Amino acid sequence: MALYVYSITAGEHPRHLDGLSGVGSQPAGLQTVTAGPLCAVVSDVSEEIRPKRRDLLAHQEVQERLMSEGPVLPLQFGYIAPDEATVRQVLEENEDGYLSALRRVEGCAEYHVRAFQEDEEPLLLQILKDSPEAGDLHRRIRGGDADPQLPLALGELVAREVQARQEVLAGGLSEALLPFAREHVTRPPTGNDFLNLSLLVADERKDAFLTARDNLAREIDGGTGLRFAGPLPPYSFVQASAP
């Protein structure tokens, strides 16, 4: 029977999974496949697994339970192996890499930081105040100048200023938080975000990191919002191959 694969752990990990069930419309119990010093946490599946809310939660609950007891290499949602032999083969072939990754993330958790523009008006007003060129274009438009190039020129200038200021702010936020991280990953922002940062924070730095986070949230202004998530399993800092 096919196996849904959740995580990879060291063999000595406690893996106390009582009370948890697997993914799927008829959730099976969780079990392990062992190969040398490594184990994979799996459950039987007999259907295609789609990212439904119930299954996403079940997947995450397994990761969080394992993470609470020791280092874990979480696989992204949706990995299915054809059988135990395949899982065992992948563990054996990648043993050194998996053991190294477990040592890297031991005693750490992942935190996400996103910065976004929740209200553009304060930033736009500040740009009109700070930029003589933007202020002049704005006054000419408000004064009735019918030149059709003026709105386009003002829009392009403001867009460049917004991007430049957001890049500076993103750099400042990152600079304030990176000293607390063992590793970090920066991804391209999406939507209204202009910073998408993942941090691997060691447990002994957690309190200092959270204090810095709270200070930034209080100090930031100009219609900018911050979203924080964590502690999370270290998805961004492992590259566990799908069995």
C-alpha atoms as a PDB file:
ATOM      1  CA  MET A   1       0.000   0.000   0.000  1.00  0.00           C
ATOM      2  CA  ALA A   2       1.134   3.551  -0.706  1.00  0.00           C
ATOM      3  CA  LEU A   3       2.488   5.620   2.172  1.00  0.00           C
ATOM      4  CA  TYR A   4       2.036   9.279   2.932  1.00  0.00           C
ATOM      5  CA  VAL A   5       5.342  10.622   4.302  1.00  0.00           C
ATOM      6  CA  TYR A   6       5.296  13.362   6.950  1.00  0.00           C
ATOM      7  CA  SER A   7       8.781  13.728   8.383  1.00  0.00           C
ATOM      8  CA  ILE A   8      12.224  12.269   8.878  1.00  0.00           C
ATOM      9  CA  THR A   9      13.730  11.977  12.349  1.00  0.00           C
ATOM     10  CA  ALA A  10      16.709  10.380  14.006  1.00  0.00           C
ATOM     11  CA  GLY A  11      16.146   6.861  15.271  1.00  0.00           C
ATOM     12  CA  GLU A  12      16.381   7.963  18.915  1.00  0.00           C
ATOM     13  CA  HIS A  13      13.629  10.571  18.528  1.00  0.00           C
ATOM     14  CA  PRO A  14      10.758   9.671  20.951  1.00  0.00           C
ATOM     15  CA  ARG A  15       8.039  10.007  18.255  1.00  0.00           C
ATOM     16  CA  HIS A  16       5.148  10.102  20.721  1.00  0.00           C
ATOM     17  CA  LEU A  17       2.276  10.249  18.243  1.00  0.00           C
ATOM     18  CA  ASP A  18      -0.584   8.935  20.370  1.00  0.00           C
ATOM     19  CA  GLY A  19      -3.872  10.646  19.628  1.00  0.00           C
ATOM     20  CA  LEU A  20      -2.866  11.775  16.142  1.00  0.00           C
ATOM     21  CA  SER A  21      -4.243  10.352  12.922  1.00  0.00           C
ATOM     22  CA  GLY A  22      -3.066  10.580   9.365  1.00  0.00           C
ATOM     23  CA  VAL A  23      -4.363  12.322   6.287  1.00  0.00           C
ATOM     24  CA  GLY A  24      -7.117  11.088   3.985  1.00  0.00           C
ATOM     25  CA  SER A  25     -10.862  10.518   4.092  1.00  0.00           C
ATOM     26  CA  GLN A  26     -10.285   7.393   6.199  1.00  0.00           C
ATOM     27  CA  PRO A  27      -7.235   8.381   8.269  1.00  0.00           C
ATOM     28  CA  ALA A  28      -4.881   5.558   9.112  1.00  0.00           C
ATOM     29  CA  GLY A  29      -2.689   5.382  12.167  1.00  0.00           C
ATOM     30  CA  LEU A  30       0.820   6.775  12.093  1.00  0.00           C
ATOM     31  CA  GLN A  31       3.764   4.401  11.824  1.00  0.00           C
ATOM     32  CA  THR A  32       7.484   4.533  11.181  1.00  0.00           C
ATOM     33  CA  VAL A  33       9.853   3.118   8.605  1.00  0.00           C
ATOM     34  CA  THR A  34      13.380   2.655   9.932  1.00  0.00           C
ATOM     35  CA  ALA A  35      16.671   2.489   8.064  1.00  0.00           C
ATOM     36  CA  GLY A  36      19.840   2.570  10.136  1.00  0.00           C
ATOM     37  CA  PRO A  37      19.917   5.741  12.272  1.00  0.00           C
ATOM     38  CA  LEU A  38      16.901   7.323  10.564  1.00  0.00           C
ATOM     39  CA  CYS A  39      13.135   6.960  10.661  1.00  0.00           C
ATOM     40  CA  ALA A  40      10.360   8.251   8.442  1.00  0.00           C
ATOM     41  CA  VAL A  41       6.918   8.929   9.931  1.00  0.00           C
ATOM     42  CA  VAL A  42       4.240   7.669   7.533  1.00  0.00           C
ATOM     43  CA  SER A  43       0.641   6.511   7.270  1.00  0.00           C
ATOM     44  CA  ASP A  44      -1.185   4.286   4.785  1.00  0.00           C
ATOM     45  CA  VAL A  45      -3.158   6.031   2.039  1.00  0.00           C
ATOM     46  CA  SER A  46      -5.350   4.622  -0.693  1.00  0.00           C
ATOM     47  CA  GLU A  47      -6.369   7.841  -2.462  1.00  0.00           C
ATOM     48  CA  GLU A  48      -4.952  11.025  -3.908  1.00  0.00           C
ATOM     49  CA  ILE A  49      -4.357  13.507  -1.107  1.00  0.00           C
ATOM     50  CA  ARG A  50      -5.462  17.051  -1.834  1.00  0.00           C
ATOM     51  CA  PRO A  51      -4.730  20.124   0.325  1.00  0.00           C
ATOM     52  CA  LYS A  52      -8.028  20.152   2.182  1.00  0.00           C
ATOM     53  CA  ARG A  53      -8.165  21.930   5.516  1.00  0.00           C
ATOM     54  CA  ARG A  54      -8.516  18.760   7.556  1.00  0.00           C
ATOM     55  CA  ASP A  55      -5.536  17.114   5.884  1.00  0.00           C
ATOM     56  CA  LEU A  56      -3.379  20.237   6.082  1.00  0.00           C
ATOM     57  CA  LEU A  57      -4.078  20.404   9.813  1.00  0.00           C
ATOM     58  CA  ALA A  58      -3.335  16.706  10.286  1.00  0.00           C
ATOM     59  CA  HIS A  59      -0.032  17.091   8.441  1.00  0.00           C
ATOM     60  CA  GLN A  60       0.944  20.110  10.542  1.00  0.00           C
ATOM     61  CA  GLU A  61      -0.064  18.494  13.841  1.00  0.00           C
ATOM     62  CA  VAL A  62       2.320  15.626  13.168  1.00  0.00           C
ATOM     63  CA  GLN A  63       5.165  18.072  12.477  1.00  0.00           C
ATOM     64  CA  GLU A  64       4.495  20.119  15.597  1.00  0.00           C
ATOM     65  CA  ARG A  65       4.255  17.059  17.853  1.00  0.00           C
ATOM     66  CA  LEU A  66       7.543  15.710  16.536  1.00  0.00           C
ATOM     67  CA  MET A  67       9.218  19.104  16.742  1.00  0.00           C
ATOM     68  CA  SER A  68       8.234  19.457  20.395  1.00  0.00           C
ATOM     69  CA  GLU A  69      10.329  16.378  21.226  1.00  0.00           C
ATOM     70  CA  GLY A  70      13.408  16.821  19.070  1.00  0.00           C
ATOM     71  CA  PRO A  71      14.780  17.849  15.679  1.00  0.00           C
ATOM     72  CA  VAL A  72      12.716  16.918  12.653  1.00  0.00           C
ATOM     73  CA  LEU A  73      12.985  17.250   8.887  1.00  0.00           C
ATOM     74  CA  PRO A  74       9.437  18.089   7.799  1.00  0.00           C
ATOM     75  CA  LEU A  75       8.380  17.217   4.279  1.00  0.00           C
ATOM     76  CA  GLN A  76       6.062  19.536   2.433  1.00  0.00           C
ATOM     77  CA  PHE A  77       2.418  18.496   2.212  1.00  0.00           C
ATOM     78  CA  GLY A  78       1.614  15.827  -0.349  1.00  0.00           C
ATOM     79  CA  TYR A  79       4.570  13.429  -0.493  1.00  0.00           C
ATOM     80  CA  ILE A  80       3.475   9.857  -1.210  1.00  0.00           C
ATOM     81  CA  ALA A  81       5.771   6.842  -1.601  1.00  0.00           C
ATOM     82  CA  PRO A  82       4.683   3.611  -3.298  1.00  0.00           C
ATOM     83  CA  ASP A  83       5.816   1.337  -0.447  1.00  0.00           C
ATOM     84  CA  GLU A  84       8.087   0.885   2.576  1.00  0.00           C
ATOM     85  CA  ALA A  85      10.965  -0.376   0.462  1.00  0.00           C
ATOM     86  CA  THR A  86      11.084   2.918  -1.425  1.00  0.00           C
ATOM     87  CA  VAL A  87      11.057   4.935   1.800  1.00  0.00           C
ATOM     88  CA  ARG A  88      13.816   2.809   3.277  1.00  0.00           C
ATOM     89  CA  GLN A  89      15.924   3.141   0.131  1.00  0.00           C
ATOM     90  CA  VAL A  90      15.687   6.947   0.184  1.00  0.00           C
ATOM     91  CA  LEU A  91      16.665   7.046   3.866  1.00  0.00           C
ATOM     92  CA  GLU A  92      19.696   4.869   3.162  1.00  0.00           C
ATOM     93  CA  GLU A  93      20.798   6.813   0.087  1.00  0.00           C
ATOM     94  CA  ASN A  94      20.519  10.194   1.833  1.00  0.00           C
ATOM     95  CA  GLU A  95      21.643   9.159   5.313  1.00  0.00           C
ATOM     96  CA  ASP A  96      24.588  11.546   5.626  1.00  0.00           C
ATOM     97  CA  GLY A  97      22.630  14.532   4.332  1.00  0.00           C
ATOM     98  CA  TYR A  98      19.651  13.876   6.577  1.00  0.00           C
ATOM     99  CA  LEU A  99      21.799  13.425   9.678  1.00  0.00           C
ATOM    100  CA  SER A 100      23.652  16.641   8.892  1.00  0.00           C
ATOM    101  CA  ALA A 101      20.367  18.511   8.424  1.00  0.00           C
ATOM    102  CA  LEU A 102      19.025  17.192  11.719  1.00  0.00           C
ATOM    103  CA  ARG A 103      22.115  18.518  13.496  1.00  0.00           C
ATOM    104  CA  ARG A 104      21.661  21.918  11.807  1.00  0.00           C
ATOM    105  CA  VAL A 105      18.075  22.397  12.945  1.00  0.00           C
ATOM    106  CA  GLU A 106      18.412  20.825  16.386  1.00  0.00           C
ATOM    107  CA  GLY A 107      17.124  23.160  19.082  1.00  0.00           C
ATOM    108  CA  CYS A 108      15.733  25.602  16.497  1.00  0.00           C
ATOM    109  CA  ALA A 109      12.394  26.693  15.100  1.00  0.00           C
ATOM    110  CA  GLU A 110      11.405  28.620  12.005  1.00  0.00           C
ATOM    111  CA  TYR A 111       9.799  32.063  12.127  1.00  0.00           C
ATOM    112  CA  HIS A 112       8.288  33.968   9.212  1.00  0.00           C
ATOM    113  CA  VAL A 113       8.307  37.743   8.899  1.00  0.00           C
ATOM    114  CA  ARG A 114       6.289  39.569   6.268  1.00  0.00           C
ATOM    115  CA  ALA A 115       6.064  43.333   5.847  1.00  0.00           C
ATOM    116  CA  PHE A 116       3.295  44.870   3.766  1.00  0.00           C
ATOM    117  CA  GLN A 117       1.780  48.230   2.884  1.00  0.00           C
ATOM    118  CA  GLU A 118      -1.595  48.247   4.593  1.00  0.00           C
ATOM    119  CA  ASP A 119      -2.341  51.941   3.963  1.00  0.00           C
ATOM    120  CA  GLU A 120      -0.665  53.729   1.062  1.00  0.00           C
ATOM    121  CA  GLU A 121      -1.904  57.246   1.837  1.00  0.00           C
ATOM    122  CA  PRO A 122       0.693  58.168   4.520  1.00  0.00           C
ATOM    123  CA  LEU A 123       3.509  56.992   2.258  1.00  0.00           C
ATOM    124  CA  LEU A 124       2.162  58.850  -0.772  1.00  0.00           C
ATOM    125  CA  LEU A 125       1.745  62.062   1.223  1.00  0.00           C
ATOM    126  CA  GLN A 126       5.295  61.755   2.509  1.00  0.00           C
ATOM    127  CA  ILE A 127       6.633  61.277  -1.023  1.00  0.00           C
ATOM    128  CA  LEU A 128       4.774  64.388  -2.237  1.00  0.00           C
ATOM    129  CA  LYS A 129       6.276  66.297   0.689  1.00  0.00           C
ATOM    130  CA  ASP A 130       9.842  65.007   0.282  1.00  0.00           C
ATOM    131  CA  SER A 131      10.126  65.029  -3.516  1.00  0.00           C
ATOM    132  CA  PRO A 132      10.062  68.485  -5.149  1.00  0.00           C
ATOM    133  CA  GLU A 133       9.472  66.894  -8.547  1.00  0.00           C
ATOM    134  CA  ALA A 134       6.519  64.840  -7.331  1.00  0.00           C
ATOM    135  CA  GLY A 135       5.104  67.824  -5.446  1.00  0.00           C
ATOM    136  CA  ASP A 136       5.336  70.012  -8.531  1.00  0.00           C
ATOM    137  CA  LEU A 137       3.634  67.462 -10.767  1.00  0.00           C
ATOM    138  CA  HIS A 138       0.873  66.994  -8.192  1.00  0.00           C
ATOM    139  CA  ARG A 139       0.267  70.763  -7.916  1.00  0.00           C
ATOM    140  CA  ARG A 140       0.117  71.147 -11.707  1.00  0.00           C
ATOM    141  CA  ILE A 141      -2.456  68.357 -11.992  1.00  0.00           C
ATOM    142  CA  ARG A 142      -4.520  69.755  -9.105  1.00  0.00           C
ATOM    143  CA  GLY A 143      -4.272  73.211 -10.671  1.00  0.00           C
ATOM    144  CA  GLY A 144      -5.963  72.040 -13.848  1.00  0.00           C
ATOM    145  CA  ASP A 145      -3.007  71.442 -16.166  1.00  0.00           C
ATOM    146  CA  ALA A 146      -4.480  69.215 -18.891  1.00  0.00           C
ATOM    147  CA  ASP A 147      -1.174  67.769 -20.134  1.00  0.00           C
ATOM    148  CA  PRO A 148      -1.978  64.015 -20.424  1.00  0.00           C
ATOM    149  CA  GLN A 149       1.655  63.110 -19.653  1.00  0.00           C
ATOM    150  CA  LEU A 150       1.547  64.581 -16.158  1.00  0.00           C
ATOM    151  CA  PRO A 151      -0.445  61.799 -14.414  1.00  0.00           C
ATOM    152  CA  LEU A 152       1.731  59.159 -16.081  1.00  0.00           C
ATOM    153  CA  ALA A 153       4.930  60.930 -15.043  1.00  0.00           C
ATOM    154  CA  LEU A 154       3.677  61.357 -11.477  1.00  0.00           C
ATOM    155  CA  GLY A 155       2.587  57.714 -11.275  1.00  0.00           C
ATOM    156  CA  GLU A 156       5.964  56.439 -12.475  1.00  0.00           C
ATOM    157  CA  LEU A 157       7.872  58.721 -10.111  1.00  0.00           C
ATOM    158  CA  VAL A 158       5.750  57.733  -7.121  1.00  0.00           C
ATOM    159  CA  ALA A 159       6.068  54.021  -7.986  1.00  0.00           C
ATOM    160  CA  ARG A 160       9.872  54.315  -8.054  1.00  0.00           C
ATOM    161  CA  GLU A 161       9.885  56.157  -4.733  1.00  0.00           C
ATOM    162  CA  VAL A 162       7.584  53.604  -3.121  1.00  0.00           C
ATOM    163  CA  GLN A 163       9.799  50.731  -4.259  1.00  0.00           C
ATOM    164  CA  ALA A 164      12.972  52.479  -3.118  1.00  0.00           C
ATOM    165  CA  ARG A 165      11.557  53.279   0.326  1.00  0.00           C
ATOM    166  CA  GLN A 166      10.165  49.804   0.789  1.00  0.00           C
ATOM    167  CA  GLU A 167      13.525  48.282  -0.134  1.00  0.00           C
ATOM    168  CA  VAL A 168      15.235  50.469   2.471  1.00  0.00           C
ATOM    169  CA  LEU A 169      12.646  49.520   5.099  1.00  0.00           C
ATOM    170  CA  ALA A 170      12.902  45.826   4.253  1.00  0.00           C
ATOM    171  CA  GLY A 171      16.661  46.046   4.609  1.00  0.00           C
ATOM    172  CA  GLY A 172      16.328  47.737   7.984  1.00  0.00           C
ATOM    173  CA  LEU A 173      13.880  45.140   9.274  1.00  0.00           C
ATOM    174  CA  SER A 174      16.120  42.311   8.128  1.00  0.00           C
ATOM    175  CA  GLU A 175      19.182  43.947   9.666  1.00  0.00           C
ATOM    176  CA  ALA A 176      17.372  44.200  13.004  1.00  0.00           C
ATOM    177  CA  LEU A 177      16.320  40.523  13.056  1.00  0.00           C
ATOM    178  CA  LEU A 178      19.137  38.597  11.380  1.00  0.00           C
ATOM    179  CA  PRO A 179      21.481  38.765  14.404  1.00  0.00           C
ATOM    180  CA  PHE A 180      19.042  36.481  16.247  1.00  0.00           C
ATOM    181  CA  ALA A 181      18.962  33.827  13.498  1.00  0.00           C
ATOM    182  CA  ARG A 182      21.271  30.915  12.861  1.00  0.00           C
ATOM    183  CA  GLU A 183      20.226  30.954   9.188  1.00  0.00           C
ATOM    184  CA  HIS A 184      17.777  32.887   7.049  1.00  0.00           C
ATOM    185  CA  VAL A 185      16.017  32.637   3.699  1.00  0.00           C
ATOM    186  CA  THR A 186      14.647  35.629   1.789  1.00  0.00           C
ATOM    187  CA  ARG A 187      11.972  34.946  -0.817  1.00  0.00           C
ATOM    188  CA  PRO A 188      10.400  37.223  -3.450  1.00  0.00           C
ATOM    189  CA  PRO A 189       7.476  39.149  -1.917  1.00  0.00           C
ATOM    190  CA  THR A 190       3.957  38.493  -3.169  1.00  0.00           C
ATOM    191  CA  GLY A 191       0.836  40.648  -3.219  1.00  0.00           C
ATOM    192  CA  ASN A 192       1.212  43.736  -1.029  1.00  0.00           C
ATOM    193  CA  ASP A 193       4.224  42.285   0.769  1.00  0.00           C
ATOM    194  CA  PHE A 194       7.624  43.881   0.322  1.00  0.00           C
ATOM    195  CA  LEU A 195       9.497  41.565   2.699  1.00  0.00           C
ATOM    196  CA  ASN A 196       9.196  37.783   2.917  1.00  0.00           C
ATOM    197  CA  LEU A 197      11.785  36.497   5.378  1.00  0.00           C
ATOM    198  CA  SER A 198      12.228  33.134   7.106  1.00  0.00           C
ATOM    199  CA  LEU A 199      14.524  32.817  10.117  1.00  0.00           C
ATOM    200  CA  LEU A 200      15.945  29.762  11.842  1.00  0.00           C
ATOM    201  CA  VAL A 201      16.120  30.791  15.499  1.00  0.00           C
ATOM    202  CA  ALA A 202      17.794  28.721  18.216  1.00  0.00           C
ATOM    203  CA  ASP A 203      15.793  28.170  21.390  1.00  0.00           C
ATOM    204  CA  GLU A 204      18.308  30.105  23.492  1.00  0.00           C
ATOM    205  CA  ARG A 205      17.791  33.164  21.244  1.00  0.00           C
ATOM    206  CA  LYS A 206      14.018  32.908  21.122  1.00  0.00           C
ATOM    207  CA  ASP A 207      13.216  35.403  23.901  1.00  0.00           C
ATOM    208  CA  ALA A 208      15.604  38.023  22.545  1.00  0.00           C
ATOM    209  CA  PHE A 209      14.201  37.530  19.047  1.00  0.00           C
ATOM    210  CA  LEU A 210      10.608  37.911  20.237  1.00  0.00           C
ATOM    211  CA  THR A 211      11.512  41.084  22.122  1.00  0.00           C
ATOM    212  CA  ALA A 212      13.107  42.547  18.999  1.00  0.00           C
ATOM    213  CA  ARG A 213      10.068  41.509  16.972  1.00  0.00           C
ATOM    214  CA  ASP A 214       7.679  43.224  19.384  1.00  0.00           C
ATOM    215  CA  ASN A 215       9.792  46.380  19.404  1.00  0.00           C
ATOM    216  CA  LEU A 216       9.737  46.538  15.611  1.00  0.00           C
ATOM    217  CA  ALA A 217       5.976  46.060  15.527  1.00  0.00           C
ATOM    218  CA  ARG A 218       5.557  49.037  17.887  1.00  0.00           C
ATOM    219  CA  GLU A 219       8.043  51.278  16.118  1.00  0.00           C
ATOM    220  CA  ILE A 220       7.043  50.775  12.487  1.00  0.00           C
ATOM    221  CA  ASP A 221       4.756  53.402  11.008  1.00  0.00           C
ATOM    222  CA  GLY A 222       3.786  54.996   7.705  1.00  0.00           C
ATOM    223  CA  GLY A 223       0.899  52.623   7.016  1.00  0.00           C
ATOM    224  CA  THR A 224       3.175  49.576   7.102  1.00  0.00           C
ATOM    225  CA  GLY A 225       2.072  46.302   8.691  1.00  0.00           C
ATOM    226  CA  LEU A 226       4.028  43.305   9.932  1.00  0.00           C
ATOM    227  CA  ARG A 227       2.932  39.675  10.057  1.00  0.00           C
ATOM    228  CA  PHE A 228       4.819  37.155  12.158  1.00  0.00           C
ATOM    229  CA  ALA A 229       4.363  33.385  12.327  1.00  0.00           C
ATOM    230  CA  GLY A 230       6.158  30.841  14.483  1.00  0.00           C
ATOM    231  CA  PRO A 231       7.538  28.821  16.027  1.00  0.00           C
ATOM    232  CA  LEU A 232       7.146  26.481  13.056  1.00  0.00           C
ATOM    233  CA  PRO A 233       8.843  23.306  11.831  1.00  0.00           C
ATOM    234  CA  PRO A 234      11.906  24.293   9.792  1.00  0.00           C
ATOM    235  CA  TYR A 235      10.460  23.727   6.321  1.00  0.00           C
ATOM    236  CA  SER A 236      12.572  26.461   4.759  1.00  0.00           C
ATOM    237  CA  PHE A 237      15.848  25.092   6.061  1.00  0.00           C
ATOM    238  CA  VAL A 238      15.700  21.446   5.039  1.00  0.00           C
ATOM    239  CA  GLN A 239      15.650  19.816   1.637  1.00  0.00           C
ATOM    240  CA  ALA A 240      14.332  16.385   2.500  1.00  0.00           C
ATOM    241  CA  SER A 241      13.877  14.395  -0.683  1.00  0.00           C
ATOM    242  CA  ALA A 242      10.501  12.855  -1.263  1.00  0.00           C
ATOM    243  CA  PRO A 243      10.703   9.069  -0.939  1.00  0.00           C
END
